[in-house]
C-alpha atoms as a PDB file:
ATOM      1  CA  MET A   1      47.629 166.256 123.340  1.00  0.00           C
ATOM      2  CA  ILE A   2      51.308 166.878 122.708  1.00  0.00           C
ATOM      3  CA  LEU A   3      52.286 165.151 119.489  1.00  0.00           C
ATOM      4  CA  VAL A   4      55.682 164.631 117.977  1.00  0.00           C
ATOM      5  CA  MET A   5      55.146 165.381 114.335  1.00  0.00           C
ATOM      6  CA  TYR A   6      57.367 164.652 111.385  1.00  0.00           C
ATOM      7  CA  TYR A   7      56.451 164.528 107.714  1.00  0.00           C
ATOM      8  CA  GLN A   8      58.575 164.342 104.587  1.00  0.00           C
ATOM      9  CA  ILE A   9      57.114 165.812 101.381  1.00  0.00           C
ATOM     10  CA  GLY A  10      59.714 165.411  98.670  1.00  0.00           C
ATOM     11  CA  ASP A  11      62.647 167.567  99.793  1.00  0.00           C
ATOM     12  CA  ILE A  12      60.516 169.432 102.363  1.00  0.00           C
ATOM     13  CA  THR A  13      60.418 168.369 106.005  1.00  0.00           C
ATOM     14  CA  LEU A  14      57.727 169.308 108.511  1.00  0.00           C
ATOM     15  CA  GLU A  15      58.850 168.799 112.090  1.00  0.00           C
ATOM     16  CA  ASP A  16      58.134 170.194 115.521  1.00  0.00           C
ATOM     17  CA  PHE A  17      59.369 173.782 115.788  1.00  0.00           C
ATOM     18  CA  LYS A  18      62.152 174.074 118.370  1.00  0.00           C
ATOM     19  CA  LEU A  19      63.585 177.053 120.210  1.00  0.00           C
ATOM     20  CA  GLU A  20      66.764 176.566 118.152  1.00  0.00           C
ATOM     21  CA  ASP A  21      64.702 177.401 115.033  1.00  0.00           C
ATOM     22  CA  ILE A  22      64.361 181.002 116.220  1.00  0.00           C
ATOM     23  CA  SER A  23      66.957 182.934 114.258  1.00  0.00           C
ATOM     24  CA  GLU A  24      67.652 186.412 112.946  1.00  0.00           C
ATOM     25  CA  ASP A  25      66.352 185.236 109.573  1.00  0.00           C
ATOM     26  CA  TYR A  26      63.067 184.027 111.107  1.00  0.00           C
ATOM     27  CA  LEU A  27      62.628 187.254 113.071  1.00  0.00           C
ATOM     28  CA  SER A  28      63.333 189.287 109.921  1.00  0.00           C
ATOM     29  CA  TRP A  29      60.393 187.576 108.158  1.00  0.00           C
ATOM     30  CA  LEU A  30      58.074 188.417 111.031  1.00  0.00           C
ATOM     31  CA  ASN A  31      59.296 192.031 111.212  1.00  0.00           C
ATOM     32  CA  ASP A  32      59.019 192.738 107.482  1.00  0.00           C
ATOM     33  CA  LYS A  33      55.921 194.968 107.611  1.00  0.00           C
ATOM     34  CA  ASP A  34      55.373 194.911 103.852  1.00  0.00           C
ATOM     35  CA  TYR A  35      55.787 191.140 103.522  1.00  0.00           C
ATOM     36  CA  MET A  36      53.482 190.536 106.502  1.00  0.00           C
ATOM     37  CA  LYS A  37      50.953 193.222 105.518  1.00  0.00           C
ATOM     38  CA  PHE A  38      48.021 190.761 105.519  1.00  0.00           C
ATOM     39  CA  SER A  39      48.955 189.270 108.889  1.00  0.00           C
ATOM     40  CA  ARG A  40      48.386 190.357 112.470  1.00  0.00           C
ATOM     41  CA  GLN A  41      52.140 189.886 112.811  1.00  0.00           C
ATOM     42  CA  SER A  42      52.627 193.192 111.016  1.00  0.00           C
ATOM     43  CA  LEU A  43      51.143 194.928 114.060  1.00  0.00           C
ATOM     44  CA  VAL A  44      53.842 193.610 116.417  1.00  0.00           C
ATOM     45  CA  HIS A  45      57.601 194.007 116.633  1.00  0.00           C
ATOM     46  CA  HIS A  46      59.171 190.603 117.154  1.00  0.00           C
ATOM     47  CA  ASP A  47      62.341 189.767 119.027  1.00  0.00           C
ATOM     48  CA  ASN A  48      63.799 186.655 120.594  1.00  0.00           C
ATOM     49  CA  ALA A  49      61.659 187.074 123.715  1.00  0.00           C
ATOM     50  CA  SER A  50      58.376 187.446 121.797  1.00  0.00           C
ATOM     51  CA  ALA A  51      59.209 184.434 119.600  1.00  0.00           C
ATOM     52  CA  ILE A  52      59.984 182.332 122.687  1.00  0.00           C
ATOM     53  CA  SER A  53      56.763 183.533 124.308  1.00  0.00           C
ATOM     54  CA  PHE A  54      54.723 182.498 121.245  1.00  0.00           C
ATOM     55  CA  TYR A  55      56.478 179.134 121.141  1.00  0.00           C
ATOM     56  CA  ARG A  56      55.709 178.498 124.813  1.00  0.00           C
ATOM     57  CA  SER A  57      52.085 179.605 124.382  1.00  0.00           C
ATOM     58  CA  ILE A  58      51.455 176.932 121.780  1.00  0.00           C
ATOM     59  CA  VAL A  59      53.773 174.035 122.593  1.00  0.00           C
ATOM     60  CA  ASP A  60      51.902 172.672 125.631  1.00  0.00           C
ATOM     61  CA  THR A  61      48.428 172.906 124.095  1.00  0.00           C
ATOM     62  CA  ASN A  62      46.387 170.892 121.612  1.00  0.00           C
ATOM     63  CA  ASN A  63      47.738 173.176 118.892  1.00  0.00           C
ATOM     64  CA  ILE A  64      50.684 172.397 116.638  1.00  0.00           C
ATOM     65  CA  PHE A  65      53.686 174.526 115.636  1.00  0.00           C
ATOM     66  CA  LEU A  66      55.847 173.048 112.900  1.00  0.00           C
ATOM     67  CA  ALA A  67      59.055 174.118 111.220  1.00  0.00           C
ATOM     68  CA  ILE A  68      59.068 173.858 107.436  1.00  0.00           C
ATOM     69  CA  LYS A  69      62.593 172.934 106.338  1.00  0.00           C
ATOM     70  CA  LYS A  70      64.433 172.264 103.130  1.00  0.00           C
ATOM     71  CA  ASN A  71      67.843 170.616 103.459  1.00  0.00           C
ATOM     72  CA  LEU A  72      67.738 171.279 107.225  1.00  0.00           C
ATOM     73  CA  ILE A  73      67.233 175.035 106.633  1.00  0.00           C
ATOM     74  CA  LEU A  74      64.142 176.717 108.082  1.00  0.00           C
ATOM     75  CA  ILE A  75      62.108 178.108 105.179  1.00  0.00           C
ATOM     76  CA  GLY A  76      58.818 178.655 106.987  1.00  0.00           C
ATOM     77  CA  THR A  77      56.428 177.739 109.760  1.00  0.00           C
ATOM     78  CA  LEU A  78      53.058 176.079 110.040  1.00  0.00           C
ATOM     79  CA  THR A  79      50.655 176.505 112.932  1.00  0.00           C
ATOM     80  CA  ILE A  80      47.572 174.351 113.289  1.00  0.00           C
ATOM     81  CA  TYR A  81      44.990 175.429 115.824  1.00  0.00           C
ATOM     82  CA  ILE A  82      42.856 172.473 116.866  1.00  0.00           C
ATOM     83  CA  ASP A  83      39.355 172.373 118.293  1.00  0.00           C
ATOM     84  CA  LEU A  84      38.993 168.841 119.652  1.00  0.00           C
ATOM     85  CA  ASP A  85      35.340 169.299 120.600  1.00  0.00           C
ATOM     86  CA  TYR A  86      34.213 170.151 117.078  1.00  0.00           C
ATOM     87  CA  LYS A  87      37.061 168.355 115.271  1.00  0.00           C
ATOM     88  CA  VAL A  88      38.036 171.452 113.290  1.00  0.00           C
ATOM     89  CA  CYS A  89      41.567 172.592 112.574  1.00  0.00           C
ATOM     90  CA  SER A  90      42.676 176.023 111.411  1.00  0.00           C
ATOM     91  CA  PRO A  91      46.121 176.108 109.827  1.00  0.00           C
ATOM     92  CA  GLY A  92      48.278 179.144 109.239  1.00  0.00           C
ATOM     93  CA  ILE A  93      51.413 179.215 107.140  1.00  0.00           C
ATOM     94  CA  LEU A  94      54.431 181.471 106.793  1.00  0.00           C
ATOM     95  CA  ILE A  95      57.010 180.945 104.080  1.00  0.00           C
ATOM     96  CA  GLY A  96      60.124 183.077 104.506  1.00  0.00           C
ATOM     97  CA  LYS A  97      60.405 185.933 102.036  1.00  0.00           C
ATOM     98  CA  SER A  98      63.457 184.543 100.235  1.00  0.00           C
ATOM     99  CA  TYR A  99      61.697 181.173  99.809  1.00  0.00           C
ATOM    100  CA  ALA A 100      58.384 182.521  98.530  1.00  0.00           C
ATOM    101  CA  LYS A 101      57.227 182.006  94.948  1.00  0.00           C
ATOM    102  CA  PHE A 102      58.832 178.537  94.656  1.00  0.00           C
ATOM    103  CA  GLY A 103      55.627 176.614  95.401  1.00  0.00           C
ATOM    104  CA  TYR A 104      56.583 175.499  98.916  1.00  0.00           C
ATOM    105  CA  GLY A 105      53.549 177.150 100.485  1.00  0.00           C
ATOM    106  CA  GLY A 106      51.142 175.442  98.102  1.00  0.00           C
ATOM    107  CA  LEU A 107      52.828 172.085  98.565  1.00  0.00           C
ATOM    108  CA  VAL A 108      52.648 172.284 102.367  1.00  0.00           C
ATOM    109  CA  TRP A 109      49.119 173.738 102.406  1.00  0.00           C
ATOM    110  CA  ARG A 110      47.725 170.955 100.209  1.00  0.00           C
ATOM    111  CA  PHE A 111      49.469 168.420 102.452  1.00  0.00           C
ATOM    112  CA  VAL A 112      47.865 169.937 105.560  1.00  0.00           C
ATOM    113  CA  VAL A 113      44.414 169.934 103.976  1.00  0.00           C
ATOM    114  CA  GLY A 114      44.701 166.471 102.464  1.00  0.00           C
ATOM    115  CA  THR A 115      46.874 164.492 104.886  1.00  0.00           C
ATOM    116  CA  ILE A 116      47.633 166.096 108.241  1.00  0.00           C
ATOM    117  CA  SER A 117      44.000 167.027 108.901  1.00  0.00           C
ATOM    118  CA  ARG A 118      43.001 163.409 108.367  1.00  0.00           C
ATOM    119  CA  ASP A 119      45.877 162.105 110.494  1.00  0.00           C
ATOM    120  CA  LEU A 120      44.612 164.366 113.281  1.00  0.00           C
ATOM    121  CA  LYS A 121      41.103 162.959 112.744  1.00  0.00           C
ATOM    122  CA  MET A 122      39.645 166.365 112.004  1.00  0.00           C
ATOM    123  CA  ARG A 123      36.367 166.580 110.112  1.00  0.00           C
ATOM    124  CA  LYS A 124      36.934 170.101 108.826  1.00  0.00           C
ATOM    125  CA  VAL A 125      39.739 172.488 107.898  1.00  0.00           C
ATOM    126  CA  SER A 126      38.864 176.159 108.253  1.00  0.00           C
ATOM    127  CA  ALA A 127      41.027 179.118 107.235  1.00  0.00           C
ATOM    128  CA  GLY A 128      40.565 182.804 106.622  1.00  0.00           C
ATOM    129  CA  ALA A 129      42.321 185.658 104.885  1.00  0.00           C
ATOM    130  CA  MET A 130      41.752 189.315 104.234  1.00  0.00           C
ATOM    131  CA  ILE A 131      39.782 189.789 101.026  1.00  0.00           C
ATOM    132  CA  LYS A 132      42.772 191.682  99.580  1.00  0.00           C
ATOM    133  CA  ASN A 133      45.100 188.697 100.104  1.00  0.00           C
ATOM    134  CA  SER A 134      44.543 187.218  96.653  1.00  0.00           C
ATOM    135  CA  ALA A 135      47.541 184.861  96.907  1.00  0.00           C
ATOM    136  CA  MET A 136      46.148 183.148 100.011  1.00  0.00           C
ATOM    137  CA  ILE A 137      42.650 182.925  98.557  1.00  0.00           C
ATOM    138  CA  LYS A 138      44.113 181.371  95.409  1.00  0.00           C
ATOM    139  CA  LEU A 139      45.941 178.857  97.629  1.00  0.00           C
ATOM    140  CA  PHE A 140      42.675 177.971  99.400  1.00  0.00           C
ATOM    141  CA  LYS A 141      40.919 177.342  96.092  1.00  0.00           C
ATOM    142  CA  LYS A 142      43.788 175.332  94.574  1.00  0.00           C
ATOM    143  CA  SER A 143      43.782 173.043  97.615  1.00  0.00           C
ATOM    144  CA  GLY A 144      40.100 172.187  97.134  1.00  0.00           C
ATOM    145  CA  MET A 145      38.734 174.481  99.828  1.00  0.00           C
ATOM    146  CA  GLU A 146      35.339 176.106  99.302  1.00  0.00           C
ATOM    147  CA  PHE A 147      34.139 179.572 100.234  1.00  0.00           C
ATOM    148  CA  GLU A 148      32.179 179.524 103.476  1.00  0.00           C
ATOM    149  CA  ALA A 149      31.603 183.042 104.785  1.00  0.00           C
ATOM    150  CA  THR A 150      32.578 186.681 104.794  1.00  0.00           C
ATOM    151  CA  LEU A 151      33.320 188.441 108.058  1.00  0.00           C
ATOM    152  CA  VAL A 152      32.396 191.983 107.094  1.00  0.00           C
ATOM    153  CA  LYS A 153      34.947 194.660 108.054  1.00  0.00           C
ATOM    154  CA  SER A 154      36.520 192.339 110.623  1.00  0.00           C
ATOM    155  CA  ALA A 155      40.126 193.374 110.006  1.00  0.00           C
ATOM    156  CA  LEU A 156      42.094 196.524 109.370  1.00  0.00           C
ATOM    157  CA  PHE A 157      44.290 196.981 106.325  1.00  0.00           C
ATOM    158  CA  ASP A 158      46.201 200.262 106.334  1.00  0.00           C
ATOM    159  CA  ASP A 159      43.779 201.388 109.070  1.00  0.00           C
ATOM    160  CA  VAL A 160      40.789 200.777 106.784  1.00  0.00           C
ATOM    161  CA  PRO A 161      38.176 198.172 107.800  1.00  0.00           C
ATOM    162  CA  THR A 162      38.294 195.232 105.419  1.00  0.00           C
ATOM    163  CA  ASP A 163      36.509 191.902 105.047  1.00  0.00           C
ATOM    164  CA  ILE A 164      37.912 188.511 105.971  1.00  0.00           C
ATOM    165  CA  VAL A 165      36.823 185.546 103.859  1.00  0.00           C
ATOM    166  CA  ILE A 166      36.622 182.076 105.361  1.00  0.00           C
ATOM    167  CA  TYR A 167      37.205 178.907 103.338  1.00  0.00           C
ATOM    168  CA  ARG A 168      36.565 175.329 104.425  1.00  0.00           C
ATOM    169  CA  TYR A 169      37.384 171.775 103.503  1.00  0.00           C
ATOM    170  CA  PHE A 170      35.578 168.727 104.848  1.00  0.00           C
ATOM    171  CA  THR A 171      37.934 165.770 105.263  1.00  0.00           C
END
């Protein structure tokens, strides 16, 4: 299921991520250990080759990798992992550090939960975050998602086992 996706949300565009979207700026977001502290990405050093490898690992699957752009400038990415059997999607979002705190993440997240998930004919949106990631949990709640479960000590934060909380939204 390879889809060509394009959405316009005000001055924000969501479109298929392309190899040309890989830039020094994008790699700097991924390699900022402090900014990515709640993400598995903080455990990996990213370069052009690793970004291309990730792109190739997702592009020919049922999953979706979108570029989030404002005025043609990449400001973030959105991945949507899709389980066609159970009709569940699991989005993940990254807003570049210099574009954070402007509400773009919330705008895109609510659009994924409310529109894209329905367009994909999913019955459920499921997402998780480390319990310490209060900004992401706040985003889940503001988008109408409900708490579903706690995965006890399922992640490491500063080498200390920490819980992951899962939130859900039924479309």
